[in-house]
Amino acid sequence: MSDTHAHSVAFVRTEQLPQLAPPSTAAGPVSWMRKNLFSNIPYSILTLVALYCIYLMLSGFVPWALNGVWNTSNIRECREVLDGVSGGCFSVLTERWNQLIFGTGYDREEYWRPTLTFILLFVAAAPILFMNLPRKMLIFTGLYPFLAFWLIWGGTILNPLLALVGIVVGYLVYSRLVNQSFAMGFFGGVAAAVVTWWIGGYIVGAIAPEETLLQAVPSRDMGGFMLNMILGTICVSLSLPIGIALALGRQSDMPIIKWICVVFIEFIRGVPLITLLFVANVILAFFFPPGSNLDLILRVIIMITMFSAAYIAEVIRGGLAALPRGQYEAADSLGLDYAQSMRLIILPQALKISIPGIVNVAVGLFKDTTLVSVISMFDLVGMIRGPILASTDWNGVYWELWAFAITLFFVVCYGISQYSQWLERQLATDHR
């Protein structure tokens, strides 16, 4: 009985068997290729055609890039070195990199000025782009525009200091009057800032020293990729708050405010940007008092900002329309006024929804800064088409210059796109 009972008890394993590796066709590169590239016959055919096209492109590009010449002084020497071999004449980049990046306005020993401005831009933008940084860094963010203006344009430091004082005075007046009325505070602050600038302008003009710490650089001499960065950064920064104001104005219950915003948005969106740039170059100066010489870069900034603000306004209006009506009712039930409800409840949600559209406008705007070359401003494209290709030393070099321009714009636009995707993931706090 004991032996029969012993054989009838089921065996229970006391330790787990080691896991076996999955089949090569179920995991790893082979599985990925079967799933994504060769899942069926049509996909397999398209994959083979795409690989063949990539091969054709690389078979021409790789020898051209690897055989490139980097140390000649003109295109004739470059062709002599190549001696009929397929290769790029990259010497134009080593010879003219300073013009491509900084234009012609700075001496070589002053390249540190725009370089330092570019580096400090990331420091100033960091507390805005990354919300986990200390809020005290916003102090430098507020001071950066005035410091950047002085580093880029040079001259006396009294001009940016005067602009800073005017804004501080305007803010103090606004904070004093806003308790009585928002309109009174806003217009009072603007008036105080303008009066401060007007009085300070006469004072600066009377006491401005002849010797300055930084050499003044006229706007007409600025160019290269630096000019694209200046226009893109300033116009995106200004168009976002203006676009928010236009979107809210278009939904206003006051007919005058609403129709002003509607007419502005629809008119600007119906006009090509290149037309607005010609207006900035030729016509806009006639709207200012006689004798006033408004800087061309400032005129271009005004027009590009108006253009992008109209598009951002429509993007944000779509975000406002996407919010459920219950959000507005919840703000009313808490006893919040219009400004509080927009600032604390409505706009944060609408802006989160609008991030892809805003980034799309920002990327398009940055690429559209190359259109300033049609009004004789020597940005990166204007510098390539003008002084470089017009010279006898490099007339005939095209692919190398345009590939360099493509690379710079791609790096900036791709960085903006990646940041927006990261920001969307950080703000993805919805219940799923």
Protein backbone atom coordinates (compact mmCIF):
# COMPACT_ATOMS: atom_id res chain seq x y z
CA MET A 1 0.00 0.00 0.00
CA SER A 2 2.76 2.42 0.80
CA ASP A 3 4.52 1.87 -2.56
CA THR A 4 1.26 2.34 -4.51
CA HIS A 5 0.47 5.51 -2.60
CA ALA A 6 3.97 6.88 -3.22
CA HIS A 7 3.64 6.42 -7.00
CA SER A 8 0.21 8.12 -7.09
CA VAL A 9 1.45 11.48 -5.69
CA ALA A 10 2.00 14.13 -8.44
CA PHE A 11 5.52 15.58 -8.80
CA VAL A 12 5.79 19.29 -7.91
CA ARG A 13 8.84 21.15 -9.24
CA THR A 14 10.65 23.11 -6.56
CA GLU A 15 12.59 25.47 -8.89
CA GLN A 16 11.73 27.34 -12.07
CA LEU A 17 13.19 26.33 -15.40
CA PRO A 18 15.49 28.95 -17.01
CA GLN A 19 13.82 31.06 -19.68
CA LEU A 20 14.68 30.23 -23.27
CA ALA A 21 15.58 32.88 -25.80
CA PRO A 22 12.74 33.70 -28.23
CA PRO A 23 13.10 32.44 -31.81
CA SER A 24 15.11 34.72 -34.09
CA THR A 25 12.00 35.29 -36.20
CA ALA A 26 9.94 36.49 -33.22
CA ALA A 27 12.28 39.11 -31.73
CA GLY A 28 15.18 41.33 -32.66
CA PRO A 29 15.98 42.94 -36.02
CA VAL A 30 14.53 40.09 -38.04
CA SER A 31 11.15 40.42 -36.33
CA TRP A 32 11.18 44.21 -36.74
CA MET A 33 11.95 43.95 -40.45
CA ARG A 34 9.22 41.35 -41.00
CA LYS A 35 6.69 43.49 -39.15
CA ASN A 36 7.56 46.94 -40.56
CA LEU A 37 9.26 46.40 -43.91
CA PHE A 38 8.22 43.03 -45.33
CA SER A 39 4.82 42.33 -43.76
CA ASN A 40 3.20 41.67 -47.15
CA ILE A 41 4.05 41.70 -50.85
CA PRO A 42 3.16 45.38 -51.60
CA TYR A 43 5.14 46.58 -48.57
CA SER A 44 8.08 44.41 -49.61
CA ILE A 45 8.09 45.92 -53.10
CA LEU A 46 7.93 49.49 -51.73
CA THR A 47 10.76 48.70 -49.30
CA LEU A 48 13.00 47.40 -52.08
CA VAL A 49 12.24 50.44 -54.28
CA ALA A 50 12.99 52.81 -51.38
CA LEU A 51 16.27 51.04 -50.60
CA TYR A 52 17.28 51.30 -54.25
CA CYS A 53 16.54 55.05 -54.28
CA ILE A 54 18.57 55.51 -51.09
CA TYR A 55 21.43 53.59 -52.69
CA LEU A 56 21.37 55.85 -55.76
CA MET A 57 21.49 58.98 -53.59
CA LEU A 58 24.24 57.72 -51.30
CA SER A 59 26.33 56.41 -54.20
CA GLY A 60 26.52 59.98 -55.51
CA PHE A 61 26.63 61.88 -52.22
CA VAL A 62 29.19 59.84 -50.24
CA PRO A 63 32.06 60.12 -52.80
CA TRP A 64 31.22 63.81 -53.30
CA ALA A 65 31.43 64.45 -49.55
CA LEU A 66 34.47 62.24 -48.83
CA ASN A 67 36.49 63.69 -51.71
CA GLY A 68 35.68 67.25 -50.66
CA VAL A 69 38.39 69.92 -50.61
CA TRP A 70 38.62 72.20 -47.56
CA ASN A 71 41.87 74.16 -47.90
CA THR A 72 41.86 76.14 -51.15
CA SER A 73 41.36 79.88 -51.53
CA ASN A 74 39.09 79.91 -54.62
CA ILE A 75 37.10 77.66 -56.90
CA ARG A 76 39.85 77.44 -59.52
CA GLU A 77 42.34 75.97 -57.06
CA CYS A 78 39.63 73.63 -55.82
CA ARG A 79 38.99 72.27 -59.32
CA GLU A 80 42.72 71.81 -59.89
CA VAL A 81 42.98 69.74 -56.72
CA LEU A 82 39.98 67.61 -57.67
CA ASP A 83 41.27 67.19 -61.25
CA GLY A 84 37.99 65.82 -62.57
CA VAL A 85 37.21 63.67 -59.54
CA SER A 86 33.71 64.02 -58.06
CA GLY A 87 34.06 66.05 -54.86
CA GLY A 88 32.68 69.07 -53.08
CA CYS A 89 34.48 72.39 -52.87
CA PHE A 90 33.96 72.93 -49.15
CA SER A 91 36.71 75.52 -49.03
CA VAL A 92 34.05 78.16 -49.51
CA LEU A 93 32.79 77.32 -46.01
CA THR A 94 36.22 77.62 -44.39
CA GLU A 95 36.91 80.88 -46.25
CA ARG A 96 33.52 82.57 -45.86
CA TRP A 97 32.11 81.03 -42.66
CA ASN A 98 32.28 84.39 -40.90
CA GLN A 99 30.07 86.04 -43.53
CA LEU A 100 27.65 83.12 -43.51
CA ILE A 101 27.24 83.31 -39.74
CA PHE A 102 27.84 86.97 -38.77
CA GLY A 103 27.48 88.96 -41.98
CA THR A 104 29.86 91.84 -42.67
CA GLY A 105 29.17 94.19 -39.78
CA TYR A 106 31.67 92.85 -37.24
CA ASP A 107 35.43 92.71 -37.21
CA ARG A 108 36.95 89.32 -36.46
CA GLU A 109 37.95 90.36 -32.96
CA GLU A 110 34.31 91.26 -32.20
CA TYR A 111 32.71 87.93 -33.10
CA TRP A 112 32.50 87.26 -29.38
CA ARG A 113 29.60 89.73 -29.13
CA PRO A 114 26.98 87.81 -31.18
CA THR A 115 28.42 84.51 -29.92
CA LEU A 116 27.96 85.55 -26.29
CA THR A 117 24.47 86.83 -27.09
CA PHE A 118 23.55 83.46 -28.59
CA ILE A 119 24.85 81.55 -25.56
CA LEU A 120 23.05 83.83 -23.11
CA LEU A 121 19.83 83.29 -25.07
CA PHE A 122 19.65 79.72 -23.78
CA VAL A 123 20.29 80.91 -20.22
CA ALA A 124 17.50 83.50 -20.50
CA ALA A 125 15.04 81.09 -22.13
CA ALA A 126 15.73 78.19 -19.74
CA PRO A 127 13.36 79.25 -16.90
CA ILE A 128 10.56 79.77 -19.45
CA LEU A 129 11.12 76.53 -21.35
CA PHE A 130 11.77 74.33 -18.30
CA MET A 131 9.39 74.97 -15.44
CA ASN A 132 11.39 73.10 -12.79
CA LEU A 133 14.20 75.68 -12.74
CA PRO A 134 14.38 78.34 -10.00
CA ARG A 135 12.05 81.26 -10.62
CA LYS A 136 14.81 83.68 -9.64
CA MET A 137 16.35 83.07 -13.06
CA LEU A 138 13.48 85.07 -14.54
CA ILE A 139 15.30 88.20 -13.37
CA PHE A 140 18.01 87.57 -15.95
CA THR A 141 15.32 86.66 -18.50
CA GLY A 142 13.82 90.14 -18.07
CA LEU A 143 17.22 91.83 -18.38
CA TYR A 144 18.40 89.77 -21.34
CA PRO A 145 16.67 91.75 -24.16
CA PHE A 146 18.41 94.96 -23.09
CA LEU A 147 21.77 93.24 -22.69
CA ALA A 148 21.39 91.50 -26.05
CA PHE A 149 20.50 94.79 -27.76
CA TRP A 150 23.68 96.40 -26.44
CA LEU A 151 25.87 93.43 -27.38
CA ILE A 152 24.48 93.19 -30.92
CA TRP A 153 24.13 96.85 -31.85
CA GLY A 154 26.83 98.29 -29.59
CA GLY A 155 27.12 102.03 -29.02
CA THR A 156 26.33 103.68 -25.71
CA ILE A 157 24.85 101.54 -22.96
CA LEU A 158 22.56 104.42 -22.01
CA ASN A 159 20.02 103.49 -24.71
CA PRO A 160 19.15 100.01 -23.36
CA LEU A 161 19.25 101.40 -19.79
CA LEU A 162 16.75 104.07 -20.81
CA ALA A 163 14.47 101.44 -22.34
CA LEU A 164 14.68 99.40 -19.13
CA VAL A 165 13.87 102.43 -16.95
CA GLY A 166 10.87 103.28 -19.16
CA ILE A 167 9.43 99.78 -18.82
CA VAL A 168 9.96 99.78 -15.04
CA VAL A 169 8.21 103.16 -14.72
CA GLY A 170 5.36 101.96 -16.92
CA TYR A 171 4.92 98.81 -14.83
CA LEU A 172 4.87 100.81 -11.58
CA VAL A 173 2.17 103.11 -12.97
CA TYR A 174 0.21 100.11 -14.24
CA SER A 175 0.35 98.34 -10.86
CA ARG A 176 -0.85 101.53 -9.15
CA LEU A 177 -3.82 102.16 -11.49
CA VAL A 178 -4.89 98.61 -12.36
CA ASN A 179 -6.91 98.33 -9.13
CA GLN A 180 -9.18 101.11 -10.37
CA SER A 181 -9.52 99.83 -13.93
CA PHE A 182 -7.56 97.51 -16.18
CA ALA A 183 -7.86 99.91 -19.12
CA MET A 184 -6.72 102.85 -16.98
CA GLY A 185 -3.74 100.85 -15.70
CA PHE A 186 -2.76 99.61 -19.16
CA PHE A 187 -2.96 102.95 -20.95
CA GLY A 188 -1.45 104.78 -17.99
CA GLY A 189 1.52 102.40 -17.96
CA VAL A 190 2.07 102.79 -21.70
CA ALA A 191 1.85 106.58 -21.45
CA ALA A 192 4.34 106.64 -18.55
CA ALA A 193 6.80 104.47 -20.48
CA VAL A 194 6.53 106.63 -23.62
CA VAL A 195 7.04 109.87 -21.67
CA THR A 196 10.06 108.37 -19.92
CA TRP A 197 11.60 107.34 -23.24
CA TRP A 198 10.85 110.74 -24.79
CA ILE A 199 12.45 112.69 -21.95
CA GLY A 200 15.32 110.24 -21.61
CA GLY A 201 16.03 110.40 -25.34
CA TYR A 202 16.86 114.10 -25.10
CA ILE A 203 19.00 113.49 -22.03
CA VAL A 204 20.91 110.62 -23.66
CA GLY A 205 21.39 112.67 -26.82
CA ALA A 206 22.89 115.49 -24.75
CA ILE A 207 25.24 113.48 -22.54
CA ALA A 208 26.05 110.45 -24.71
CA PRO A 209 29.83 110.01 -24.71
CA GLU A 210 31.78 109.89 -27.93
CA GLU A 211 33.85 106.94 -26.69
CA THR A 212 31.81 103.77 -26.15
CA LEU A 213 32.69 100.38 -24.76
CA LEU A 214 31.37 98.57 -27.83
CA GLN A 215 31.66 99.72 -31.40
CA ALA A 216 28.28 100.62 -32.92
CA VAL A 217 27.15 98.31 -35.73
CA PRO A 218 24.55 99.70 -38.17
CA SER A 219 21.58 97.47 -38.90
CA ARG A 220 22.25 97.58 -42.63
CA ASP A 221 25.58 95.79 -42.03
CA MET A 222 24.05 92.91 -40.09
CA GLY A 223 23.51 89.67 -41.90
CA GLY A 224 24.21 85.98 -42.09
CA PHE A 225 22.49 83.36 -40.00
CA MET A 226 22.71 85.75 -37.05
CA LEU A 227 20.09 87.96 -38.72
CA ASN A 228 17.75 84.98 -39.17
CA MET A 229 18.16 84.14 -35.48
CA ILE A 230 17.47 87.75 -34.43
CA LEU A 231 14.30 87.99 -36.53
CA GLY A 232 13.06 84.53 -35.59
CA THR A 233 13.64 84.90 -31.84
CA ILE A 234 12.19 88.40 -31.52
CA CYS A 235 9.19 87.84 -33.78
CA VAL A 236 8.18 84.54 -32.15
CA SER A 237 8.54 86.05 -28.68
CA LEU A 238 6.38 89.06 -29.58
CA SER A 239 3.78 87.31 -31.73
CA LEU A 240 2.72 84.85 -29.01
CA PRO A 241 1.30 87.41 -26.51
CA ILE A 242 -0.10 89.52 -29.35
CA GLY A 243 -1.75 86.42 -30.83
CA ILE A 244 -3.31 85.58 -27.44
CA ALA A 245 -4.69 89.12 -27.19
CA LEU A 246 -6.11 88.91 -30.73
CA ALA A 247 -7.73 85.53 -30.05
CA LEU A 248 -9.38 86.83 -26.89
CA GLY A 249 -10.41 90.04 -28.67
CA ARG A 250 -12.05 88.07 -31.46
CA GLN A 251 -14.22 86.31 -28.86
CA SER A 252 -15.00 89.55 -27.01
CA ASP A 253 -18.58 90.68 -26.41
CA MET A 254 -17.63 94.26 -27.30
CA PRO A 255 -18.41 94.72 -31.01
CA ILE A 256 -15.70 97.31 -31.71
CA ILE A 257 -12.92 95.22 -30.18
CA LYS A 258 -14.21 92.08 -31.87
CA TRP A 259 -14.41 93.55 -35.36
CA ILE A 260 -11.03 95.26 -35.09
CA CYS A 261 -9.47 91.89 -34.29
CA VAL A 262 -11.45 90.11 -37.00
CA VAL A 263 -10.49 92.63 -39.70
CA PHE A 264 -6.83 92.60 -38.63
CA ILE A 265 -6.58 88.79 -38.57
CA GLU A 266 -8.40 88.21 -41.86
CA PHE A 267 -6.52 90.98 -43.66
CA ILE A 268 -3.08 89.83 -42.52
CA ARG A 269 -3.84 86.18 -43.30
CA GLY A 270 -5.00 87.17 -46.77
CA VAL A 271 -1.78 88.98 -47.70
CA PRO A 272 1.50 87.19 -48.59
CA LEU A 273 4.40 87.83 -46.23
CA ILE A 274 6.62 89.01 -49.06
CA THR A 275 4.12 91.81 -49.75
CA LEU A 276 4.27 92.91 -46.11
CA LEU A 277 8.07 92.94 -46.31
CA PHE A 278 7.94 95.27 -49.31
CA VAL A 279 5.55 97.46 -47.32
CA ALA A 280 8.03 97.49 -44.45
CA ASN A 281 10.86 98.43 -46.80
CA VAL A 282 9.12 101.13 -48.83
CA ILE A 283 5.80 102.31 -47.39
CA LEU A 284 5.93 101.97 -43.60
CA ALA A 285 8.34 104.88 -43.16
CA PHE A 286 5.70 107.28 -44.57
CA PHE A 287 3.45 106.61 -41.56
CA PHE A 288 5.96 108.11 -39.13
CA PRO A 289 6.70 111.80 -38.50
CA PRO A 290 8.93 113.59 -41.02
CA GLY A 291 12.59 113.32 -40.23
CA SER A 292 12.25 110.11 -38.23
CA ASN A 293 14.44 107.30 -39.52
CA LEU A 294 12.91 104.04 -38.36
CA ASP A 295 15.41 101.22 -38.52
CA LEU A 296 14.81 98.72 -41.34
CA ILE A 297 15.21 95.72 -39.03
CA LEU A 298 12.60 97.24 -36.70
CA ARG A 299 10.21 97.71 -39.61
CA VAL A 300 10.73 94.11 -40.70
CA ILE A 301 10.19 92.88 -37.13
CA ILE A 302 6.90 94.79 -36.97
CA MET A 303 5.59 93.22 -40.19
CA ILE A 304 6.74 89.66 -39.48
CA THR A 305 5.32 89.88 -35.95
CA MET A 306 1.95 91.07 -37.27
CA PHE A 307 1.94 88.25 -39.82
CA SER A 308 2.72 85.46 -37.34
CA ALA A 309 0.47 86.93 -34.62
CA ALA A 310 -2.55 86.63 -36.93
CA TYR A 311 -1.87 82.92 -37.48
CA ILE A 312 -1.14 82.24 -33.81
CA ALA A 313 -4.41 83.99 -32.93
CA GLU A 314 -6.34 81.49 -35.03
CA VAL A 315 -4.46 78.57 -33.50
CA ILE A 316 -5.25 79.76 -29.98
CA ARG A 317 -8.87 80.45 -30.94
CA GLY A 318 -9.11 76.80 -31.96
CA GLY A 319 -7.75 75.81 -28.54
CA LEU A 320 -10.31 78.00 -26.80
CA ALA A 321 -13.11 76.52 -28.87
CA ALA A 322 -11.94 72.97 -28.03
CA LEU A 323 -12.48 73.50 -24.30
CA PRO A 324 -15.78 72.21 -22.90
CA ARG A 325 -18.32 74.82 -21.87
CA GLY A 326 -18.14 73.44 -18.35
CA GLN A 327 -14.68 74.97 -17.86
CA TYR A 328 -16.06 78.48 -18.38
CA GLU A 329 -18.98 77.71 -16.08
CA ALA A 330 -16.63 76.33 -13.43
CA ALA A 331 -14.66 79.59 -13.50
CA ASP A 332 -17.88 81.57 -13.08
CA SER A 333 -19.00 79.36 -10.20
CA LEU A 334 -15.75 80.12 -8.34
CA GLY A 335 -16.53 83.82 -8.51
CA LEU A 336 -13.56 84.66 -10.75
CA ASP A 337 -13.69 87.69 -12.99
CA TYR A 338 -12.79 87.55 -16.70
CA ALA A 339 -9.07 88.20 -16.27
CA GLN A 340 -8.71 85.68 -13.44
CA SER A 341 -10.65 82.94 -15.20
CA MET A 342 -8.62 83.36 -18.39
CA ARG A 343 -5.29 83.47 -16.58
CA LEU A 344 -5.90 80.64 -14.13
CA ILE A 345 -8.27 78.21 -15.86
CA ILE A 346 -9.03 78.82 -19.54
CA LEU A 347 -5.74 79.91 -21.14
CA PRO A 348 -3.50 77.24 -19.54
CA GLN A 349 -5.72 74.50 -20.98
CA ALA A 350 -6.16 76.23 -24.35
CA LEU A 351 -2.42 76.81 -24.73
CA LYS A 352 -1.69 73.16 -23.95
CA ILE A 353 -4.09 72.11 -26.70
CA SER A 354 -2.56 74.65 -29.09
CA ILE A 355 1.10 73.61 -28.66
CA PRO A 356 1.37 71.70 -32.00
CA GLY A 357 -0.20 74.57 -33.94
CA ILE A 358 1.94 77.22 -32.24
CA VAL A 359 5.12 75.25 -32.94
CA ASN A 360 4.06 74.82 -36.55
CA VAL A 361 3.68 78.59 -36.92
CA ALA A 362 7.01 79.19 -35.14
CA VAL A 363 8.90 76.79 -37.41
CA GLY A 364 7.29 78.28 -40.51
CA LEU A 365 8.07 81.79 -39.31
CA PHE A 366 11.73 80.97 -38.72
CA LYS A 367 12.06 79.57 -42.24
CA ASP A 368 10.20 82.57 -43.68
CA THR A 369 12.87 84.92 -42.31
CA THR A 370 14.85 84.04 -45.45
CA LEU A 371 12.35 86.14 -47.43
CA VAL A 372 14.08 89.30 -46.18
CA SER A 373 16.71 88.65 -48.86
CA VAL A 374 14.24 89.96 -51.47
CA ILE A 375 14.39 93.45 -49.87
CA SER A 376 18.21 93.54 -49.97
CA MET A 377 18.84 92.31 -46.44
CA PHE A 378 21.82 89.98 -46.33
CA ASP A 379 20.63 87.13 -44.16
CA LEU A 380 22.06 83.65 -44.74
CA VAL A 381 20.30 83.23 -48.10
CA GLY A 382 20.99 86.83 -49.08
CA MET A 383 24.66 86.43 -48.19
CA ILE A 384 24.92 83.32 -50.38
CA ARG A 385 23.11 84.87 -53.34
CA GLY A 386 24.85 88.22 -52.97
CA PRO A 387 28.44 88.77 -51.86
CA ILE A 388 29.62 85.14 -52.01
CA LEU A 389 28.25 83.91 -55.34
CA ALA A 390 28.80 87.34 -56.89
CA SER A 391 32.54 87.14 -56.22
CA THR A 392 34.80 85.68 -58.89
CA ASP A 393 36.49 83.44 -56.32
CA TRP A 394 33.41 81.32 -55.62
CA ASN A 395 31.07 81.90 -58.55
CA GLY A 396 29.86 78.42 -59.45
CA VAL A 397 29.80 76.87 -55.98
CA TYR A 398 26.18 76.08 -55.15
CA TRP A 399 25.57 72.70 -53.52
CA GLU A 400 28.08 73.25 -50.72
CA LEU A 401 26.59 76.60 -49.68
CA TRP A 402 22.98 75.48 -49.86
CA ALA A 403 23.76 72.26 -47.99
CA PHE A 404 25.30 74.37 -45.21
CA ALA A 405 22.18 76.56 -45.08
CA ILE A 406 19.90 73.50 -45.05
CA THR A 407 21.87 71.99 -42.17
CA LEU A 408 21.63 75.13 -40.00
CA PHE A 409 17.89 75.56 -40.52
CA PHE A 410 17.22 71.86 -40.01
CA VAL A 411 19.09 71.80 -36.69
CA VAL A 412 17.11 74.76 -35.32
CA CYS A 413 13.70 73.62 -36.60
CA TYR A 414 14.27 70.02 -35.49
CA GLY A 415 15.28 71.24 -32.04
CA ILE A 416 12.08 73.29 -31.77
CA SER A 417 10.01 70.28 -32.84
CA GLN A 418 11.67 67.95 -30.34
CA TYR A 419 11.18 70.44 -27.51
CA SER A 420 7.48 70.77 -28.33
CA GLN A 421 7.04 66.99 -28.22
CA TRP A 422 8.83 66.85 -24.87
CA LEU A 423 6.63 69.66 -23.55
CA GLU A 424 3.48 67.83 -24.67
CA ARG A 425 4.60 64.73 -22.77
CA GLN A 426 5.32 66.81 -19.66
CA LEU A 427 1.89 68.43 -19.80
CA ALA A 428 0.00 65.18 -20.56
CA THR A 429 -1.85 65.17 -17.23
CA ASP A 430 -5.27 64.19 -18.57
CA HIS A 431 -7.04 61.09 -17.26
CA ARG A 432 -6.73 58.28 -19.78
